[in-house]
Amino acid sequence: MKAQAHPTYFDQTQVICICGNKFTVGSTREKIHVELCYDCHPFYTGEQKFVDSASRIQKFQDRQKIASTYTAVKKKKADDQKKKDDSPKTLREMLMGLK
């Protein structure tokens, strides 16, 4: 077995959150910086907080707005097509419409 195959293990690794909370765990790194911890995570605090570093929420809302305008335009075109179809029909189409 190789002597230097495993990384160095640190028993007293400091984990530092951006909220200011610090705690100690065991890890192969000396210091760990995190964005969320048990002190500020919405699941544990009961608060609703959005962690949105890439503005994904705004992109989603923009796509929703585009989709709603698209469906409105599509519905308007369908209604216009129905109005346009008021032209005289053949005898067969009129009889099929009675059923």
PDB file of N, CA and C in Angstrom:
ATOM      1  N   MET A   1       0.840  -1.169   0.000  1.00  0.00           N
ATOM      2  CA  MET A   1       0.000   0.000   0.000  1.00  0.00           C
ATOM      3  C   MET A   1       0.890   1.237   0.000  1.00  0.00           C
ATOM      4  N   LYS A   2       0.468   2.278  -0.758  1.00  0.00           N
ATOM      5  CA  LYS A   2       1.251   3.506  -0.844  1.00  0.00           C
ATOM      6  C   LYS A   2       1.121   4.308   0.444  1.00  0.00           C
ATOM      7  N   ALA A   3       2.195   4.953   0.821  1.00  0.00           N
ATOM      8  CA  ALA A   3       2.216   5.708   2.071  1.00  0.00           C
ATOM      9  C   ALA A   3       1.468   7.029   1.962  1.00  0.00           C
ATOM     10  N   GLN A   4       1.531   7.711   0.844  1.00  0.00           N
ATOM     11  CA  GLN A   4       0.928   9.038   0.699  1.00  0.00           C
ATOM     12  C   GLN A   4      -0.328   9.017  -0.186  1.00  0.00           C
ATOM     13  N   ALA A   5      -1.128   7.960  -0.130  1.00  0.00           N
ATOM     14  CA  ALA A   5      -2.292   7.815  -0.994  1.00  0.00           C
ATOM     15  C   ALA A   5      -3.499   8.624  -0.510  1.00  0.00           C
ATOM     16  N   HIS A   6      -3.624   8.877   0.767  1.00  0.00           N
ATOM     17  CA  HIS A   6      -4.806   9.549   1.320  1.00  0.00           C
ATOM     18  C   HIS A   6      -4.524  11.029   1.596  1.00  0.00           C
ATOM     19  N   PRO A   7      -5.540  11.887   1.436  1.00  0.00           N
ATOM     20  CA  PRO A   7      -5.356  13.310   1.745  1.00  0.00           C
ATOM     21  C   PRO A   7      -5.289  13.534   3.247  1.00  0.00           C
ATOM     22  N   THR A   8      -4.796  14.694   3.627  1.00  0.00           N
ATOM     23  CA  THR A   8      -4.695  15.052   5.047  1.00  0.00           C
ATOM     24  C   THR A   8      -6.087  15.353   5.587  1.00  0.00           C
ATOM     25  N   TYR A   9      -6.396  14.807   6.752  1.00  0.00           N
ATOM     26  CA  TYR A   9      -7.695  15.006   7.382  1.00  0.00           C
ATOM     27  C   TYR A   9      -7.548  15.991   8.529  1.00  0.00           C
ATOM     28  N   PHE A  10      -8.396  17.040   8.538  1.00  0.00           N
ATOM     29  CA  PHE A  10      -8.372  18.042   9.596  1.00  0.00           C
ATOM     30  C   PHE A  10      -9.601  17.849  10.482  1.00  0.00           C
ATOM     31  N   ASP A  11      -9.388  17.625  11.774  1.00  0.00           N
ATOM     32  CA  ASP A  11     -10.484  17.422  12.717  1.00  0.00           C
ATOM     33  C   ASP A  11     -11.222  18.721  13.040  1.00  0.00           C
ATOM     34  N   GLN A  12     -10.530  19.831  13.018  1.00  0.00           N
ATOM     35  CA  GLN A  12     -11.085  21.115  13.428  1.00  0.00           C
ATOM     36  C   GLN A  12     -11.228  22.074  12.243  1.00  0.00           C
ATOM     37  N   THR A  13     -11.946  21.671  11.234  1.00  0.00           N
ATOM     38  CA  THR A  13     -12.170  22.523  10.065  1.00  0.00           C
ATOM     39  C   THR A  13     -13.231  23.563  10.393  1.00  0.00           C
ATOM     40  N   GLN A  14     -12.938  24.838  10.104  1.00  0.00           N
ATOM     41  CA  GLN A  14     -13.873  25.925  10.342  1.00  0.00           C
ATOM     42  C   GLN A  14     -14.769  26.083   9.119  1.00  0.00           C
ATOM     43  N   VAL A  15     -16.084  26.037   9.312  1.00  0.00           N
ATOM     44  CA  VAL A  15     -17.055  26.317   8.265  1.00  0.00           C
ATOM     45  C   VAL A  15     -17.613  27.701   8.551  1.00  0.00           C
ATOM     46  N   ILE A  16     -17.490  28.613   7.579  1.00  0.00           N
ATOM     47  CA  ILE A  16     -17.895  29.992   7.763  1.00  0.00           C
ATOM     48  C   ILE A  16     -18.996  30.314   6.757  1.00  0.00           C
ATOM     49  N   CYS A  17     -20.142  30.753   7.267  1.00  0.00           N
ATOM     50  CA  CYS A  17     -21.275  31.102   6.418  1.00  0.00           C
ATOM     51  C   CYS A  17     -21.276  32.608   6.184  1.00  0.00           C
ATOM     52  N   ILE A  18     -21.929  33.061   5.106  1.00  0.00           N
ATOM     53  CA  ILE A  18     -21.970  34.496   4.842  1.00  0.00           C
ATOM     54  C   ILE A  18     -22.861  35.234   5.832  1.00  0.00           C
ATOM     55  N   CYS A  19     -23.692  34.518   6.586  1.00  0.00           N
ATOM     56  CA  CYS A  19     -24.512  35.162   7.613  1.00  0.00           C
ATOM     57  C   CYS A  19     -23.700  35.445   8.876  1.00  0.00           C
ATOM     58  N   GLY A  20     -22.483  34.907   8.957  1.00  0.00           N
ATOM     59  CA  GLY A  20     -21.628  35.146  10.115  1.00  0.00           C
ATOM     60  C   GLY A  20     -21.524  33.950  11.047  1.00  0.00           C
ATOM     61  N   ASN A  21     -22.285  32.930  10.820  1.00  0.00           N
ATOM     62  CA  ASN A  21     -22.260  31.739  11.654  1.00  0.00           C
ATOM     63  C   ASN A  21     -20.994  30.928  11.373  1.00  0.00           C
ATOM     64  N   LYS A  22     -20.372  30.412  12.416  1.00  0.00           N
ATOM     65  CA  LYS A  22     -19.179  29.574  12.284  1.00  0.00           C
ATOM     66  C   LYS A  22     -19.391  28.306  13.100  1.00  0.00           C
ATOM     67  N   PHE A  23     -18.942  27.189  12.549  1.00  0.00           N
ATOM     68  CA  PHE A  23     -18.980  25.939  13.290  1.00  0.00           C
ATOM     69  C   PHE A  23     -17.848  25.051  12.828  1.00  0.00           C
ATOM     70  N   THR A  24     -17.576  23.992  13.585  1.00  0.00           N
ATOM     71  CA  THR A  24     -16.429  23.133  13.347  1.00  0.00           C
ATOM     72  C   THR A  24     -16.884  21.742  12.924  1.00  0.00           C
ATOM     73  N   VAL A  25     -16.236  21.216  11.890  1.00  0.00           N
ATOM     74  CA  VAL A  25     -16.491  19.862  11.408  1.00  0.00           C
ATOM     75  C   VAL A  25     -15.156  19.229  11.034  1.00  0.00           C
ATOM     76  N   GLY A  26     -15.184  17.973  10.643  1.00  0.00           N
ATOM     77  CA  GLY A  26     -13.989  17.299  10.148  1.00  0.00           C
ATOM     78  C   GLY A  26     -14.011  17.260   8.628  1.00  0.00           C
ATOM     79  N   SER A  27     -12.887  17.573   7.993  1.00  0.00           N
ATOM     80  CA  SER A  27     -12.841  17.614   6.541  1.00  0.00           C
ATOM     81  C   SER A  27     -11.399  17.500   6.063  1.00  0.00           C
ATOM     82  N   THR A  28     -11.237  17.423   4.752  1.00  0.00           N
ATOM     83  CA  THR A  28      -9.900  17.403   4.161  1.00  0.00           C
ATOM     84  C   THR A  28      -9.433  18.805   3.806  1.00  0.00           C
ATOM     85  N   ARG A  29     -10.251  19.822   4.092  1.00  0.00           N
ATOM     86  CA  ARG A  29      -9.871  21.210   3.864  1.00  0.00           C
ATOM     87  C   ARG A  29      -9.782  21.921   5.209  1.00  0.00           C
ATOM     88  N   GLU A  30      -8.941  22.947   5.283  1.00  0.00           N
ATOM     89  CA  GLU A  30      -8.775  23.664   6.550  1.00  0.00           C
ATOM     90  C   GLU A  30      -9.908  24.633   6.828  1.00  0.00           C
ATOM     91  N   LYS A  31     -10.391  25.345   5.795  1.00  0.00           N
ATOM     92  CA  LYS A  31     -11.503  26.284   5.936  1.00  0.00           C
ATOM     93  C   LYS A  31     -12.481  26.070   4.797  1.00  0.00           C
ATOM     94  N   ILE A  32     -13.772  26.186   5.121  1.00  0.00           N
ATOM     95  CA  ILE A  32     -14.817  26.042   4.120  1.00  0.00           C
ATOM     96  C   ILE A  32     -15.736  27.262   4.233  1.00  0.00           C
ATOM     97  N   HIS A  33     -15.991  27.934   3.105  1.00  0.00           N
ATOM     98  CA  HIS A  33     -16.909  29.071   3.064  1.00  0.00           C
ATOM     99  C   HIS A  33     -18.176  28.625   2.336  1.00  0.00           C
ATOM    100  N   VAL A  34     -19.345  28.849   2.967  1.00  0.00           N
ATOM    101  CA  VAL A  34     -20.627  28.435   2.394  1.00  0.00           C
ATOM    102  C   VAL A  34     -21.577  29.627   2.324  1.00  0.00           C
ATOM    103  N   GLU A  35     -22.620  29.505   1.467  1.00  0.00           N
ATOM    104  CA  GLU A  35     -23.615  30.564   1.325  1.00  0.00           C
ATOM    105  C   GLU A  35     -24.792  30.377   2.281  1.00  0.00           C
ATOM    106  N   LEU A  36     -25.140  29.140   2.594  1.00  0.00           N
ATOM    107  CA  LEU A  36     -26.254  28.846   3.481  1.00  0.00           C
ATOM    108  C   LEU A  36     -25.830  27.855   4.545  1.00  0.00           C
ATOM    109  N   CYS A  37     -26.364  28.028   5.743  1.00  0.00           N
ATOM    110  CA  CYS A  37     -26.105  27.071   6.816  1.00  0.00           C
ATOM    111  C   CYS A  37     -27.417  26.822   7.558  1.00  0.00           C
ATOM    112  N   TYR A  38     -27.370  26.045   8.606  1.00  0.00           N
ATOM    113  CA  TYR A  38     -28.577  25.732   9.362  1.00  0.00           C
ATOM    114  C   TYR A  38     -29.138  26.949  10.075  1.00  0.00           C
ATOM    115  N   ASP A  39     -28.345  27.990  10.231  1.00  0.00           N
ATOM    116  CA  ASP A  39     -28.778  29.187  10.936  1.00  0.00           C
ATOM    117  C   ASP A  39     -29.558  30.140  10.030  1.00  0.00           C
ATOM    118  N   CYS A  40     -29.308  30.088   8.725  1.00  0.00           N
ATOM    119  CA  CYS A  40     -29.970  31.030   7.810  1.00  0.00           C
ATOM    120  C   CYS A  40     -30.743  30.344   6.690  1.00  0.00           C
ATOM    121  N   HIS A  41     -30.782  29.014   6.642  1.00  0.00           N
ATOM    122  CA  HIS A  41     -31.493  28.310   5.573  1.00  0.00           C
ATOM    123  C   HIS A  41     -33.001  28.453   5.770  1.00  0.00           C
ATOM    124  N   PRO A  42     -33.763  28.745   4.698  1.00  0.00           N
ATOM    125  CA  PRO A  42     -35.215  28.945   4.830  1.00  0.00           C
ATOM    126  C   PRO A  42     -35.959  27.737   5.391  1.00  0.00           C
ATOM    127  N   PHE A  43     -35.481  26.532   5.154  1.00  0.00           N
ATOM    128  CA  PHE A  43     -36.146  25.342   5.686  1.00  0.00           C
ATOM    129  C   PHE A  43     -36.137  25.346   7.213  1.00  0.00           C
ATOM    130  N   TYR A  44     -35.031  25.771   7.802  1.00  0.00           N
ATOM    131  CA  TYR A  44     -34.903  25.755   9.262  1.00  0.00           C
ATOM    132  C   TYR A  44     -35.465  27.012   9.917  1.00  0.00           C
ATOM    133  N   THR A  45     -35.407  28.164   9.230  1.00  0.00           N
ATOM    134  CA  THR A  45     -35.859  29.411   9.835  1.00  0.00           C
ATOM    135  C   THR A  45     -37.339  29.665   9.612  1.00  0.00           C
ATOM    136  N   GLY A  46     -37.932  29.061   8.575  1.00  0.00           N
ATOM    137  CA  GLY A  46     -39.335  29.277   8.274  1.00  0.00           C
ATOM    138  C   GLY A  46     -39.581  30.531   7.459  1.00  0.00           C
ATOM    139  N   GLU A  47     -38.549  31.269   7.115  1.00  0.00           N
ATOM    140  CA  GLU A  47     -38.676  32.472   6.301  1.00  0.00           C
ATOM    141  C   GLU A  47     -38.510  32.104   4.834  1.00  0.00           C
ATOM    142  N   GLN A  48     -39.127  32.914   3.979  1.00  0.00           N
ATOM    143  CA  GLN A  48     -38.953  32.688   2.553  1.00  0.00           C
ATOM    144  C   GLN A  48     -37.890  33.652   2.058  1.00  0.00           C
ATOM    145  N   LYS A  49     -36.790  33.084   1.585  1.00  0.00           N
ATOM    146  CA  LYS A  49     -35.691  33.891   1.086  1.00  0.00           C
ATOM    147  C   LYS A  49     -35.228  33.275  -0.225  1.00  0.00           C
ATOM    148  N   PHE A  50     -35.042  34.098  -1.236  1.00  0.00           N
ATOM    149  CA  PHE A  50     -34.594  33.612  -2.527  1.00  0.00           C
ATOM    150  C   PHE A  50     -33.088  33.794  -2.642  1.00  0.00           C
ATOM    151  N   VAL A  51     -32.390  32.719  -2.929  1.00  0.00           N
ATOM    152  CA  VAL A  51     -30.969  32.772  -3.195  1.00  0.00           C
ATOM    153  C   VAL A  51     -30.830  32.632  -4.702  1.00  0.00           C
ATOM    154  N   ASP A  52     -30.693  33.754  -5.357  1.00  0.00           N
ATOM    155  CA  ASP A  52     -30.737  33.790  -6.814  1.00  0.00           C
ATOM    156  C   ASP A  52     -29.498  34.496  -7.333  1.00  0.00           C
ATOM    157  N   SER A  53     -28.470  33.746  -7.580  1.00  0.00           N
ATOM    158  CA  SER A  53     -27.223  34.356  -8.017  1.00  0.00           C
ATOM    159  C   SER A  53     -27.182  34.595  -9.517  1.00  0.00           C
ATOM    160  N   ALA A  54     -27.975  33.880 -10.299  1.00  0.00           N
ATOM    161  CA  ALA A  54     -27.937  34.016 -11.757  1.00  0.00           C
ATOM    162  C   ALA A  54     -29.223  34.613 -12.306  1.00  0.00           C
ATOM    163  N   SER A  55     -30.011  35.282 -11.467  1.00  0.00           N
ATOM    164  CA  SER A  55     -31.296  35.893 -11.820  1.00  0.00           C
ATOM    165  C   SER A  55     -32.204  34.909 -12.550  1.00  0.00           C
ATOM    166  N   ARG A  56     -32.249  33.692 -12.072  1.00  0.00           N
ATOM    167  CA  ARG A  56     -33.083  32.657 -12.681  1.00  0.00           C
ATOM    168  C   ARG A  56     -34.564  32.939 -12.478  1.00  0.00           C
ATOM    169  N   ILE A  57     -34.906  33.561 -11.355  1.00  0.00           N
ATOM    170  CA  ILE A  57     -36.309  33.872 -11.086  1.00  0.00           C
ATOM    171  C   ILE A  57     -36.811  34.880 -12.111  1.00  0.00           C
ATOM    172  N   GLN A  58     -36.018  35.905 -12.372  1.00  0.00           N
ATOM    173  CA  GLN A  58     -36.415  36.917 -13.351  1.00  0.00           C
ATOM    174  C   GLN A  58     -36.532  36.310 -14.744  1.00  0.00           C
ATOM    175  N   LYS A  59     -35.608  35.423 -15.110  1.00  0.00           N
ATOM    176  CA  LYS A  59     -35.679  34.762 -16.413  1.00  0.00           C
ATOM    177  C   LYS A  59     -36.951  33.924 -16.529  1.00  0.00           C
ATOM    178  N   PHE A  60     -37.305  33.224 -15.451  1.00  0.00           N
ATOM    179  CA  PHE A  60     -38.522  32.415 -15.452  1.00  0.00           C
ATOM    180  C   PHE A  60     -39.762  33.292 -15.616  1.00  0.00           C
ATOM    181  N   GLN A  61     -39.805  34.407 -14.897  1.00  0.00           N
ATOM    182  CA  GLN A  61     -40.948  35.307 -15.004  1.00  0.00           C
ATOM    183  C   GLN A  61     -41.046  35.911 -16.400  1.00  0.00           C
ATOM    184  N   ASP A  62     -39.920  36.217 -17.020  1.00  0.00           N
ATOM    185  CA  ASP A  62     -39.931  36.733 -18.391  1.00  0.00           C
ATOM    186  C   ASP A  62     -40.474  35.691 -19.364  1.00  0.00           C
ATOM    187  N   ARG A  63     -40.052  34.433 -19.195  1.00  0.00           N
ATOM    188  CA  ARG A  63     -40.568  33.366 -20.061  1.00  0.00           C
ATOM    189  C   ARG A  63     -42.069  33.171 -19.865  1.00  0.00           C
ATOM    190  N   GLN A  64     -42.545  33.295 -18.632  1.00  0.00           N
ATOM    191  CA  GLN A  64     -43.976  33.167 -18.359  1.00  0.00           C
ATOM    192  C   GLN A  64     -44.752  34.284 -19.055  1.00  0.00           C
ATOM    193  N   LYS A  65     -44.209  35.500 -19.030  1.00  0.00           N
ATOM    194  CA  LYS A  65     -44.875  36.633 -19.672  1.00  0.00           C
ATOM    195  C   LYS A  65     -44.938  36.427 -21.189  1.00  0.00           C
ATOM    196  N   ILE A  66     -43.852  35.972 -21.777  1.00  0.00           N
ATOM    197  CA  ILE A  66     -43.817  35.711 -23.219  1.00  0.00           C
ATOM    198  C   ILE A  66     -44.816  34.619 -23.584  1.00  0.00           C
ATOM    199  N   ALA A  67     -44.887  33.580 -22.761  1.00  0.00           N
ATOM    200  CA  ALA A  67     -45.810  32.474 -23.030  1.00  0.00           C
ATOM    201  C   ALA A  67     -47.259  32.944 -22.948  1.00  0.00           C
ATOM    202  N   SER A  68     -47.580  33.806 -21.996  1.00  0.00           N
ATOM    203  CA  SER A  68     -48.964  34.272 -21.878  1.00  0.00           C
ATOM    204  C   SER A  68     -49.345  35.151 -23.068  1.00  0.00           C
ATOM    205  N   THR A  69     -48.431  35.981 -23.554  1.00  0.00           N
ATOM    206  CA  THR A  69     -48.742  36.793 -24.734  1.00  0.00           C
ATOM    207  C   THR A  69     -48.871  35.902 -25.968  1.00  0.00           C
ATOM    208  N   TYR A  70     -48.051  34.867 -26.049  1.00  0.00           N
ATOM    209  CA  TYR A  70     -48.131  33.941 -27.181  1.00  0.00           C
ATOM    210  C   TYR A  70     -49.482  33.235 -27.213  1.00  0.00           C
ATOM    211  N   THR A  71     -49.958  32.771 -26.066  1.00  0.00           N
ATOM    212  CA  THR A  71     -51.245  32.077 -26.029  1.00  0.00           C
ATOM    213  C   THR A  71     -52.387  33.038 -26.349  1.00  0.00           C
ATOM    214  N   ALA A  72     -52.275  34.301 -25.923  1.00  0.00           N
ATOM    215  CA  ALA A  72     -53.315  35.280 -26.236  1.00  0.00           C
ATOM    216  C   ALA A  72     -53.370  35.533 -27.741  1.00  0.00           C
ATOM    217  N   VAL A  73     -52.213  35.657 -28.370  1.00  0.00           N
ATOM    218  CA  VAL A  73     -52.164  35.873 -29.819  1.00  0.00           C
ATOM    219  C   VAL A  73     -52.706  34.653 -30.558  1.00  0.00           C
ATOM    220  N   LYS A  74     -52.359  33.470 -30.081  1.00  0.00           N
ATOM    221  CA  LYS A  74     -52.828  32.238 -30.720  1.00  0.00           C
ATOM    222  C   LYS A  74     -54.349  32.118 -30.617  1.00  0.00           C
ATOM    223  N   LYS A  75     -54.902  32.471 -29.469  1.00  0.00           N
ATOM    224  CA  LYS A  75     -56.348  32.416 -29.276  1.00  0.00           C
ATOM    225  C   LYS A  75     -57.035  33.431 -30.172  1.00  0.00           C
ATOM    226  N   LYS A  76     -56.457  34.625 -30.293  1.00  0.00           N
ATOM    227  CA  LYS A  76     -57.043  35.657 -31.146  1.00  0.00           C
ATOM    228  C   LYS A  76     -57.054  35.199 -32.600  1.00  0.00           C
ATOM    229  N   LYS A  77     -55.970  34.565 -33.047  1.00  0.00           N
ATOM    230  CA  LYS A  77     -55.919  34.056 -34.417  1.00  0.00           C
ATOM    231  C   LYS A  77     -56.972  32.980 -34.634  1.00  0.00           C
ATOM    232  N   ALA A  78     -57.173  32.112 -33.651  1.00  0.00           N
ATOM    233  CA  ALA A  78     -58.187  31.057 -33.767  1.00  0.00           C
ATOM    234  C   ALA A  78     -59.587  31.663 -33.849  1.00  0.00           C
ATOM    235  N   ASP A  79     -59.846  32.697 -33.033  1.00  0.00           N
ATOM    236  CA  ASP A  79     -61.147  33.366 -33.079  1.00  0.00           C
ATOM    237  C   ASP A  79     -61.367  34.044 -34.425  1.00  0.00           C
ATOM    238  N   ASP A  80     -60.328  34.690 -34.948  1.00  0.00           N
ATOM    239  CA  ASP A  80     -60.422  35.325 -36.264  1.00  0.00           C
ATOM    240  C   ASP A  80     -60.692  34.282 -37.346  1.00  0.00           C
ATOM    241  N   GLN A  81     -60.073  33.137 -37.236  1.00  0.00           N
ATOM    242  CA  GLN A  81     -60.277  32.068 -38.213  1.00  0.00           C
ATOM    243  C   GLN A  81     -61.713  31.557 -38.167  1.00  0.00           C
ATOM    244  N   LYS A  82     -62.288  31.461 -36.945  1.00  0.00           N
ATOM    245  CA  LYS A  82     -63.682  31.021 -36.813  1.00  0.00           C
ATOM    246  C   LYS A  82     -64.628  32.021 -37.474  1.00  0.00           C
ATOM    247  N   LYS A  83     -64.352  33.310 -37.260  1.00  0.00           N
ATOM    248  CA  LYS A  83     -65.182  34.339 -37.871  1.00  0.00           C
ATOM    249  C   LYS A  83     -65.061  34.293 -39.393  1.00  0.00           C
ATOM    250  N   LYS A  84     -63.892  33.979 -39.854  1.00  0.00           N
ATOM    251  CA  LYS A  84     -63.636  33.919 -41.282  1.00  0.00           C
ATOM    252  C   LYS A  84     -64.343  32.718 -41.909  1.00  0.00           C
ATOM    253  N   ASP A  85     -64.547  31.666 -41.157  1.00  0.00           N
ATOM    254  CA  ASP A  85     -65.148  30.437 -41.663  1.00  0.00           C
ATOM    255  C   ASP A  85     -66.664  30.523 -41.776  1.00  0.00           C
ATOM    256  N   ASP A  86     -67.244  31.715 -41.679  1.00  0.00           N
ATOM    257  CA  ASP A  86     -68.683  31.869 -41.802  1.00  0.00           C
ATOM    258  C   ASP A  86     -69.127  31.891 -43.269  1.00  0.00           C
ATOM    259  N   SER A  87     -68.250  31.511 -44.151  1.00  0.00           N
ATOM    260  CA  SER A  87     -68.582  31.474 -45.574  1.00  0.00           C
ATOM    261  C   SER A  87     -69.585  30.358 -45.832  1.00  0.00           C
ATOM    262  N   PRO A  88     -70.289  30.407 -46.963  1.00  0.00           N
ATOM    263  CA  PRO A  88     -71.276  29.356 -47.259  1.00  0.00           C
ATOM    264  C   PRO A  88     -70.632  27.962 -47.297  1.00  0.00           C
ATOM    265  N   LYS A  89     -71.328  27.019 -46.741  1.00  0.00           N
ATOM    266  CA  LYS A  89     -70.812  25.660 -46.653  1.00  0.00           C
ATOM    267  C   LYS A  89     -71.515  24.787 -47.691  1.00  0.00           C
ATOM    268  N   THR A  90     -70.939  23.627 -47.919  1.00  0.00           N
ATOM    269  CA  THR A  90     -71.585  22.673 -48.813  1.00  0.00           C
ATOM    270  C   THR A  90     -72.753  22.031 -48.085  1.00  0.00           C
ATOM    271  N   LEU A  91     -73.630  21.376 -48.821  1.00  0.00           N
ATOM    272  CA  LEU A  91     -74.795  20.726 -48.226  1.00  0.00           C
ATOM    273  C   LEU A  91     -74.367  19.675 -47.216  1.00  0.00           C
ATOM    274  N   ARG A  92     -73.313  18.936 -47.531  1.00  0.00           N
ATOM    275  CA  ARG A  92     -72.825  17.882 -46.630  1.00  0.00           C
ATOM    276  C   ARG A  92     -72.325  18.478 -45.311  1.00  0.00           C
ATOM    277  N   GLU A  93     -71.551  19.582 -45.365  1.00  0.00           N
ATOM    278  CA  GLU A  93     -71.044  20.230 -44.148  1.00  0.00           C
ATOM    279  C   GLU A  93     -72.189  20.740 -43.292  1.00  0.00           C
ATOM    280  N   MET A  94     -73.238  21.303 -43.912  1.00  0.00           N
ATOM    281  CA  MET A  94     -74.374  21.799 -43.149  1.00  0.00           C
ATOM    282  C   MET A  94     -75.115  20.649 -42.464  1.00  0.00           C
ATOM    283  N   LEU A  95     -75.274  19.511 -43.157  1.00  0.00           N
ATOM    284  CA  LEU A  95     -75.971  18.368 -42.558  1.00  0.00           C
ATOM    285  C   LEU A  95     -75.134  17.739 -41.448  1.00  0.00           C
ATOM    286  N   MET A  96     -73.819  17.713 -41.589  1.00  0.00           N
ATOM    287  CA  MET A  96     -72.948  17.162 -40.545  1.00  0.00           C
ATOM    288  C   MET A  96     -72.968  18.060 -39.298  1.00  0.00           C
ATOM    289  N   GLY A  97     -73.181  19.333 -39.487  1.00  0.00           N
ATOM    290  CA  GLY A  97     -73.218  20.270 -38.369  1.00  0.00           C
ATOM    291  C   GLY A  97     -74.482  20.166 -37.550  1.00  0.00           C
ATOM    292  N   LEU A  98     -75.532  19.551 -38.075  1.00  0.00           N
ATOM    293  CA  LEU A  98     -76.794  19.419 -37.358  1.00  0.00           C
ATOM    294  C   LEU A  98     -76.724  18.359 -36.271  1.00  0.00           C
ATOM    295  N   LYS A  99     -75.846  17.418 -36.386  1.00  0.00           N
ATOM    296  CA  LYS A  99     -75.772  16.318 -35.412  1.00  0.00           C
ATOM    297  C   LYS A  99     -75.258  16.717 -34.105  1.00  0.00           C
TER     298      LYS A  99
END
